[in-house]
Protein backbone atom coordinates (compact mmCIF):
# COMPACT_ATOMS: atom_id res chain seq x y z
CA MET A 1 -80.51 -171.11 -235.68
CA THR A 2 -78.49 -174.21 -234.70
CA ARG A 3 -77.02 -175.77 -237.64
CA SER A 4 -77.15 -179.86 -238.48
CA LEU A 5 -73.98 -180.67 -240.37
CA SER A 6 -73.60 -182.66 -242.86
CA ARG A 7 -71.18 -185.46 -243.71
CA SER A 8 -68.29 -183.36 -245.35
CA GLU A 9 -69.00 -180.94 -242.36
CA LEU A 10 -68.85 -183.37 -239.56
CA LYS A 11 -65.24 -184.18 -241.68
CA GLN A 12 -64.25 -180.89 -241.01
CA LEU A 13 -65.26 -180.32 -237.79
CA VAL A 14 -63.22 -184.04 -236.76
CA ASP A 15 -60.39 -182.55 -238.31
CA SER A 16 -60.88 -179.50 -236.35
CA LEU A 17 -60.54 -181.31 -233.01
CA VAL A 18 -56.98 -181.63 -231.26
CA LEU A 19 -56.86 -183.32 -228.28
CA ASP A 20 -55.13 -182.49 -225.90
CA TRP A 21 -53.24 -184.94 -223.22
CA ASN A 22 -52.82 -182.06 -221.08
CA ASP A 23 -56.55 -180.85 -220.89
CA MET A 24 -57.72 -183.07 -217.35
CA ALA A 25 -61.21 -182.16 -218.71
CA SER A 26 -61.51 -182.69 -222.08
CA HIS A 27 -63.92 -186.11 -221.94
CA SER A 28 -66.07 -184.59 -223.53
CA LYS A 29 -64.04 -183.49 -226.80
CA ALA A 30 -62.63 -187.18 -226.73
CA MET A 31 -66.29 -188.36 -226.81
CA LEU A 32 -67.19 -186.18 -229.58
CA TYR A 33 -64.01 -187.36 -231.31
CA CYS A 34 -64.49 -190.81 -231.06
CA THR A 35 -68.36 -190.85 -231.99
CA ALA A 36 -67.70 -189.01 -235.12
CA GLN A 37 -64.82 -190.37 -236.15
CA HIS A 38 -66.66 -194.32 -235.72
CA TYR A 39 -69.83 -192.77 -237.23
CA LEU A 40 -67.67 -191.78 -240.70
CA ASP A 41 -65.95 -194.96 -240.43
CA GLY A 42 -68.91 -196.96 -240.53
CA LYS A 43 -68.73 -198.18 -237.00
CA VAL A 44 -71.90 -196.42 -235.28
CA PRO A 45 -74.05 -198.39 -237.61
CA TRP A 46 -77.21 -196.17 -236.39
CA ASP A 47 -77.78 -192.51 -238.21
CA MET A 48 -77.02 -189.63 -235.75
CA THR A 49 -77.42 -186.15 -235.12
CA PHE A 50 -74.17 -183.63 -235.09
CA GLU A 51 -75.84 -179.95 -234.61
CA VAL A 52 -73.68 -176.88 -233.99
CA ASP A 53 -74.77 -173.59 -232.50
CA ARG A 54 -73.34 -171.83 -235.53
CA TRP A 55 -70.81 -172.52 -238.10
CA PRO A 56 -67.88 -173.00 -238.85
CA ASP A 57 -66.77 -171.60 -235.66
CA TYR A 58 -68.70 -173.83 -233.34
CA THR A 59 -67.98 -173.57 -229.48
CA ALA A 60 -71.31 -176.21 -229.00
CA VAL A 61 -71.60 -179.28 -230.79
CA LEU A 62 -74.90 -181.55 -229.28
CA TRP A 63 -74.89 -185.30 -231.30
CA THR A 64 -77.64 -187.74 -230.49
CA PRO A 65 -79.07 -190.87 -232.40
CA ASP A 66 -81.46 -190.32 -234.99
CA LYS A 67 -84.81 -191.04 -233.49
CA LYS A 68 -85.87 -191.07 -236.82
CA ASP A 69 -84.22 -194.22 -237.81
CA PHE A 70 -85.78 -197.56 -236.88
CA ALA A 71 -82.50 -199.30 -236.96
CA VAL A 72 -81.39 -197.23 -233.64
CA PRO A 73 -81.12 -199.69 -231.52
CA ALA A 74 -82.94 -199.64 -227.53
CA PHE A 75 -79.21 -199.18 -226.08
CA VAL A 76 -78.50 -195.28 -227.29
CA GLU A 77 -82.08 -193.99 -228.11
CA ASP A 78 -81.87 -192.09 -225.20
CA ASP A 79 -78.20 -190.71 -225.72
CA VAL A 80 -77.77 -186.97 -225.99
CA PHE A 81 -74.02 -185.88 -225.89
CA LEU A 82 -72.43 -182.69 -225.07
CA TYR A 83 -68.89 -180.54 -225.84
CA TRP A 84 -69.22 -176.98 -225.43
CA THR A 85 -66.46 -174.15 -224.77
CA SER A 86 -68.81 -171.09 -224.65
CA GLU A 87 -71.69 -170.97 -222.10
CA ASP A 88 -73.13 -168.86 -224.26
CA GLY A 89 -72.91 -171.49 -227.28
CA LEU A 90 -74.86 -174.13 -224.62
CA ARG A 91 -77.30 -172.42 -223.48
CA GLN A 92 -78.34 -171.30 -227.30
CA LEU A 93 -77.76 -175.26 -228.29
CA LEU A 94 -79.62 -176.37 -225.54
CA THR A 95 -82.53 -173.71 -226.70
CA LEU A 96 -82.15 -174.10 -230.85
CA THR A 97 -81.96 -177.46 -230.58
CA SER A 98 -83.89 -180.55 -232.83
CA VAL A 99 -84.45 -182.90 -228.88
CA ASP A 100 -87.16 -182.72 -226.97
CA TRP A 101 -86.52 -182.35 -223.45
CA THR A 102 -89.62 -183.66 -222.21
CA ARG A 103 -89.09 -186.93 -222.74
CA GLN A 104 -86.55 -190.25 -221.32
CA LEU A 105 -83.06 -188.82 -221.85
CA LEU A 106 -79.39 -189.69 -220.68
CA LEU A 107 -76.46 -187.14 -220.41
CA PRO A 108 -73.80 -190.05 -220.56
CA ALA A 109 -70.19 -188.16 -218.06
CA PHE A 110 -72.36 -184.87 -218.72
CA PRO A 111 -70.08 -182.03 -217.39
CA LEU A 112 -71.58 -180.98 -214.04
CA SER A 113 -69.43 -177.66 -214.90
CA GLY A 114 -72.52 -177.03 -217.19
CA LEU A 115 -75.45 -178.57 -214.67
CA SER A 116 -76.41 -175.25 -213.72
CA VAL A 117 -77.07 -174.13 -217.85
CA LEU A 118 -78.50 -177.02 -218.19
CA LYS A 119 -81.32 -176.95 -215.01
CA ASP A 120 -82.05 -173.43 -216.07
CA HIS A 121 -82.79 -173.96 -219.28
CA LEU A 122 -84.69 -177.64 -218.51
CA THR A 123 -87.04 -174.73 -215.62
CA LYS A 124 -87.69 -172.96 -219.01
CA GLN A 125 -88.81 -175.09 -220.84
CA GLY A 126 -91.06 -176.57 -217.99
CA VAL A 127 -88.82 -179.92 -217.69
CA PRO A 128 -88.19 -181.14 -214.03
CA CYS A 129 -84.87 -181.02 -213.65
CA PRO A 130 -83.49 -183.99 -212.12
CA SER A 131 -83.25 -185.72 -209.13
CA GLU A 132 -80.21 -186.35 -207.16
CA THR A 133 -81.13 -190.35 -207.60
CA ASP A 134 -80.91 -189.01 -210.98
CA ILE A 135 -77.64 -188.30 -210.99
CA TYR A 136 -74.59 -190.50 -210.57
CA PRO A 137 -70.93 -188.32 -210.55
CA CYS A 138 -67.84 -189.68 -212.09
CA ASP A 139 -64.25 -189.07 -212.17
CA THR A 140 -63.05 -188.64 -215.61
CA ALA A 141 -59.83 -190.87 -215.18
CA TYR A 142 -56.81 -190.09 -217.59
CA PHE A 143 -53.93 -192.44 -218.89
CA LEU A 144 -51.79 -189.33 -219.59
CA HIS A 145 -48.30 -191.44 -220.32
CA GLU A 146 -47.61 -192.07 -224.19
CA THR A 147 -45.78 -195.60 -223.57
CA CYS A 148 -48.11 -199.10 -221.67
CA PRO A 149 -46.54 -202.69 -221.88
CA SER A 150 -46.70 -203.85 -225.30
CA PRO A 151 -49.80 -206.37 -225.19
CA GLU A 152 -47.37 -209.05 -226.23
CA THR A 153 -45.46 -208.80 -223.12
CA VAL A 154 -47.95 -208.36 -220.91
CA GLY A 155 -49.37 -211.50 -222.44
CA ARG A 156 -46.28 -213.14 -220.95
CA THR A 157 -46.10 -212.28 -217.56
CA ASP A 158 -48.24 -215.29 -216.45
CA ALA A 159 -47.61 -218.35 -218.11
CA LYS A 160 -51.70 -219.61 -216.55
CA VAL A 161 -53.31 -216.98 -218.54
CA THR A 162 -53.27 -215.59 -221.61
CA ILE A 163 -54.53 -212.05 -222.94
CA ALA A 164 -56.40 -211.44 -225.98
CA PRO A 165 -60.03 -209.43 -227.13
CA LEU A 166 -63.11 -210.85 -226.13
CA LYS A 167 -65.46 -213.04 -228.59
CA PRO A 168 -69.12 -212.16 -228.93
CA ASP A 169 -70.01 -215.90 -227.70
CA HIS A 170 -69.11 -213.90 -223.97
CA SER A 171 -71.47 -211.68 -223.70
CA GLN A 172 -74.72 -213.55 -222.22
CA LEU A 173 -71.37 -213.79 -219.15
CA VAL A 174 -70.51 -209.82 -219.20
CA ASN A 175 -74.23 -209.16 -219.66
CA ARG A 176 -74.60 -211.29 -216.29
CA THR A 177 -72.01 -210.32 -214.38
CA TRP A 178 -72.89 -206.49 -215.44
CA ARG A 179 -74.47 -204.09 -212.68
CA HIS A 180 -76.66 -202.32 -214.85
CA GLY A 181 -77.22 -205.74 -216.81
CA GLY A 182 -79.18 -208.06 -217.15
CA THR A 183 -81.25 -207.42 -219.89
CA PRO A 184 -82.08 -208.29 -223.68
CA GLU A 185 -80.78 -204.27 -224.46
CA SER A 186 -77.91 -204.76 -222.04
CA GLU A 187 -76.92 -208.23 -223.93
CA GLU A 188 -77.45 -206.40 -227.03
CA GLN A 189 -75.38 -203.41 -226.71
CA ILE A 190 -72.55 -205.74 -225.30
CA HIS A 191 -72.71 -208.25 -228.23
CA TYR A 192 -71.89 -204.69 -230.39
CA GLN A 193 -69.63 -203.07 -228.24
CA ILE A 194 -67.57 -206.84 -228.27
CA SER A 195 -67.97 -206.80 -231.93
CA THR A 196 -66.66 -203.51 -233.43
CA PHE A 197 -64.08 -202.38 -231.17
CA PRO A 198 -61.29 -203.35 -228.75
CA SER A 199 -61.67 -205.26 -225.87
CA ALA A 200 -59.29 -207.37 -223.15
CA CYS A 201 -60.05 -210.16 -221.74
CA VAL A 202 -57.66 -212.74 -219.51
CA TYR A 203 -58.17 -216.07 -220.15
CA ASP A 204 -57.49 -218.90 -217.53
CA GLN A 205 -55.61 -222.00 -218.85
CA ASP A 206 -58.80 -223.95 -219.72
CA GLY A 207 -59.66 -220.51 -222.57
CA ASN A 208 -62.27 -219.23 -219.68
CA PRO A 209 -62.54 -215.76 -219.50
CA VAL A 210 -61.45 -214.61 -215.80
CA SER A 211 -61.14 -210.69 -216.10
CA TRP A 212 -61.92 -208.51 -218.85
CA ILE A 213 -63.06 -204.28 -220.15
CA LEU A 214 -64.63 -203.07 -222.79
CA PHE A 215 -64.40 -200.18 -225.10
CA ASN A 216 -67.24 -197.87 -225.35
CA TYR A 217 -68.66 -196.73 -228.72
CA TYR A 218 -67.88 -193.25 -227.75
CA GLY A 219 -64.19 -193.84 -226.77
CA SER A 220 -64.47 -194.32 -222.91
CA GLN A 221 -63.10 -197.43 -222.01
CA GLY A 222 -65.47 -199.42 -219.42
CA LEU A 223 -67.84 -202.80 -218.18
CA GLY A 224 -64.33 -204.17 -216.62
CA TYR A 225 -65.12 -206.67 -214.12
CA THR A 226 -63.43 -209.85 -213.07
CA LEU A 227 -65.24 -213.11 -211.51
CA PRO A 228 -64.77 -213.28 -207.75
CA GLU A 229 -63.04 -216.65 -207.36
CA HIS A 230 -60.42 -214.76 -209.37
CA ARG A 231 -59.91 -211.40 -207.65
CA GLY A 232 -56.70 -210.36 -205.98
CA LYS A 233 -54.04 -211.20 -208.73
CA GLY A 234 -53.78 -208.52 -211.05
CA TYR A 235 -55.35 -210.49 -213.43
CA PHE A 236 -57.37 -206.60 -213.99
CA GLN A 237 -54.88 -205.33 -214.46
CA LEU A 238 -53.54 -207.01 -217.15
CA ALA A 239 -56.21 -206.77 -219.00
CA SER A 240 -56.12 -202.63 -218.71
CA LYS A 241 -52.81 -202.56 -219.51
CA TYR A 242 -53.87 -204.75 -222.45
CA LEU A 243 -56.30 -202.29 -223.80
CA ILE A 244 -54.43 -199.16 -223.07
CA SER A 245 -51.71 -200.56 -225.32
CA ILE A 246 -54.51 -201.07 -228.10
CA CYS A 247 -56.11 -197.95 -227.68
CA LEU A 248 -52.18 -195.96 -228.10
CA GLN A 249 -51.46 -198.04 -231.25
CA LYS A 250 -55.08 -196.21 -232.31
CA GLY A 251 -53.79 -193.39 -231.06
CA PHE A 252 -57.19 -192.98 -228.92
CA LEU A 253 -55.95 -190.82 -225.51
CA PRO A 254 -57.58 -194.22 -222.62
CA PHE A 255 -59.65 -192.50 -220.20
CA LEU A 256 -62.44 -194.02 -218.35
CA PHE A 257 -65.53 -192.81 -215.86
CA ILE A 258 -65.46 -193.77 -212.37
CA GLU A 259 -68.22 -193.14 -210.13
CA ASP A 260 -67.86 -191.62 -206.79
CA TYR A 261 -69.49 -194.98 -204.95
CA ASN A 262 -66.57 -197.28 -206.47
CA GLU A 263 -63.30 -196.94 -204.08
CA PRO A 264 -61.93 -200.47 -205.14
CA SER A 265 -61.72 -198.88 -208.78
CA ARG A 266 -59.62 -195.64 -208.03
CA THR A 267 -57.26 -197.39 -206.11
CA ILE A 268 -56.21 -199.74 -209.14
CA HIS A 269 -56.59 -196.80 -211.67
CA ARG A 270 -53.58 -195.26 -209.30
CA LYS A 271 -51.93 -198.00 -209.75
CA LEU A 272 -52.24 -198.51 -213.29
CA GLY A 273 -50.82 -194.62 -213.57
CA TYR A 274 -54.61 -192.83 -214.42
CA SER A 275 -54.84 -188.99 -213.03
CA TRP A 276 -57.97 -187.62 -212.50
CA VAL A 277 -58.79 -183.91 -211.29
CA GLU A 278 -61.31 -181.92 -210.02
CA ALA A 279 -62.22 -179.98 -213.75
CA GLY A 280 -62.75 -183.20 -214.85
CA ARG A 281 -66.12 -184.25 -212.69
CA CYS A 282 -68.99 -185.47 -214.57
CA ALA A 283 -72.16 -187.75 -214.51
CA TYR A 284 -74.51 -189.40 -215.79
CA THR A 285 -77.77 -187.73 -215.78
CA PHE A 286 -81.15 -188.97 -216.43
CA LEU A 287 -83.71 -187.21 -217.43
CA ASN A 288 -87.95 -187.18 -217.04
CA ARG A 289 -86.49 -191.12 -215.87
CA ASN A 290 -90.02 -192.67 -215.03
CA LYS A 291 -91.61 -191.34 -217.95
CA SER A 292 -91.77 -193.28 -220.84
CA SER A 293 -89.79 -193.09 -224.28
């Protein structure tokens, strides 16, 4: 049987996680660390379940919002995350977990190295495997340097702009411009991210946001965007350096996911000093997508 961790056991798990900046396939470990730490710190205001294949010598961890908690917002209720160091542990966890695999689910940044194990499990459960249109492959990009220009230094690079966190009032703007946004649920998600976690925004001389990037509750950077009329001025790089600096100050490993189609993002992040390798390949993977929750 799998084991659901108590709060004290979850603290033990967090303390056992050593984030190796030389491990270019460690994004799921970083996501586990950040989610669990934010949960323990009260920055995740809904109940979550953390299950392990065994305890204390676990080899696989699954974590997901607790569906029994009516406070779980719609924008995370389908999220299921997995981290493993052993395929046998992953198989056991998939088989014995409390997750209902027949309902609509999203596996954010699921490592592609485990896709065959996942599909084998779903087939045995009589659940359709995700089609190619339900799998959005990404590279995990890491900022592996120990230093970055300080926010103060970055903020003085252009007298016409200022750099500071986004404000919750900007949620509507970010929601309108987000490729996957435009709904009340996505605006609620953005408002939560801006209100709770670090963010970076370049403001013009009139105080209007022109370029920004947010921070997800599971530790990755995301929702980066520059208004079309302000592109080509280096503003996104300024916002990124600001957020990198904040992450480094807080002891976070700066990382993000770049979808395969997004070549402009690859170019910008390569210039910023991000790196990625084949071992870090992952995918936002939807299960039972056309089925109601």
